[in-house]
């Protein structure tokens, strides 16, 4: 068992490093958290050392996601551990110096850079790498301190900064040359190339501050050419920004705007997005500069996030205000459009928190734990203590199967058959809510109601086709599982989402799916062509494949004949619609279609569909396709 756990740990760590190469930080974070969970399990071999390694990498990821306080906490934890090796201490110090600068703690940044530089000089190759980073970071600390003079930059400090950043560039070049000779396949070659380009970017700042804008442009062009083949879209975009800013300082505005707004099909990260990915007061000033020039703030990157999304994720009020100011100046963008963008960004942030910080850890525990039940309790407590999430997301509700049967048709929210998990749990066992463990079936289906049908708009037709299919599916399930019908509860949108205030219910949809034991897809010829159906199926497929505690079924009609109505001589009407179907467990690869490519009723749903599809991937365990 120990060997198996170590193999799993190494697998997570290897995938994390692969994601690092392509700058997929959220996926890297997922793998590291899985590895950390293994380290913290009982009797895990060499747990303390392996945990330090993972925590250091997590600090690096949090820094890149702009969560500097959390990054500082993680990195300082590693540095404060007496068992941390010098090699890891150097690497962590480099990350921490960037964090300190981003938090405007320049004295701490300079102190740790000096310490890092002195230690690095005593070490071999790893020391050469960290000396390169340390001298560059030291140069930037001195550059920022040179600008604290209110009248004009401190020329002595500025020249010192230039010489230190130039040393960084030269060290990066030497390191690349050495590695090409000694280890041509080393991944550090690309890393050192990135350090060189970052040094060139910083030289644009230093020379522009010294008034030498032509030299700033020259260095910016060099960096731009170097980073064209970088796998990291943020590196490419930041290089364009520093080049563009140098051009702007050199009175070449048109060329500068080309850089600021540049995107391509395989390079969608704009300068504004890149700056918001790594929030700081320094980058907020840069953002202000390009927003005042009128950059496009309505573009989305490869992850389907825009600049406002990243500013909200990082909770950087300054950057949010700069972007909102720019959006208010955007032609043909109404106040309601801006509000929708801001609400959407906050919604995405809370989704990420609920999925990745609260629900996924429960699923990852696996084993004999009833993770689904634990998630329900966790979600209920989260809404009870977080007013913003309570405003945005609906409670987990369901309809008791007996009431569903007794109603005779699809119940609507106004029929008041749906009850919250919290209320049902208290009614079942007032002293211990966790004792109530309903089996909740989520129905995923198309709305087939048409104009002229009774109660339109309604998800069912006049023949109650979908209701009867649901009844038939549950009857088959009960016959196979031998489960007590009293334990069965139903989740369906028409009953469980307030139809007069849909947003909280629609917002909560993927969170609700995760808390259901099973999903039944009422499939037909076009079920998988609808984006919302496909995203629900994709999410449930992830849960089934990764965690093994959910069940996914499809219900297909045995007869595809259209319904016919027979009117008898006595005036009675007989509907011979055949709603008998076959209930089958879905295969692992049933929902392989990308929901982003499918039809939606409203174009405004597309960004949300794309975001939720990504969250469904992050919710699962890594596969070769993730």
Foldseek 3Di string as FASTA:
>chain_A
DLVVLVVLLVVLCVVLVVCVQLVVLLLSLLSLVLNLVSLPDPPRPPSVVSNLVSLLVNLLSCLLQQQLVSSLVSLVVSCVDPPRDLLSVLVSLLSNLVSCVLAVVLVVSLVSLVVSLVSLVVDPLSSLVSVLSSLLSNLVSLVVVQVVPPPAGPVVSLVSSLVSLVVSLVSLVVSLVVCCVVPVPDPVNLVSLLSNLVSLLVNLVSCVSVVNLVSSLVSLVVSQVSCPPRSYLLSNQSSLLSNLVSCVSVVNNVSSLCSQADADPQRQQGNLQSLLSNHGPVSLVSNLVVLVVQHDQPTAGPLLDTNLLSNVLSVPVSNNVSVLVSQVVDPPQDPVNSVVNNVVSNLLNVVCCLQPVPLLVLLSVFDPDPSLLVSLVRVVVCLVVDVVLVVQAPAQKWAQVVVLVVVPADDAQVVVRIDGLQVVLCVVPVVDSSVQDAQEEEEQEAQDDDPPAPPPVDSAGVVRLVSVLVVQQVVVVCVVPVDDSRRYIYDDCRHRAHPVDRRNHVSCVLVNLSSHQEYEYADDPCQLQALVSLLSVLLVLQSCVFRPRHWYKYWYFPDPDDWDWDQDPVGDIDIPDRNNTDIDTDDSCPSVDQSLPHDDPDPVCNSVSSSSSVSSQSSGDDDPVD
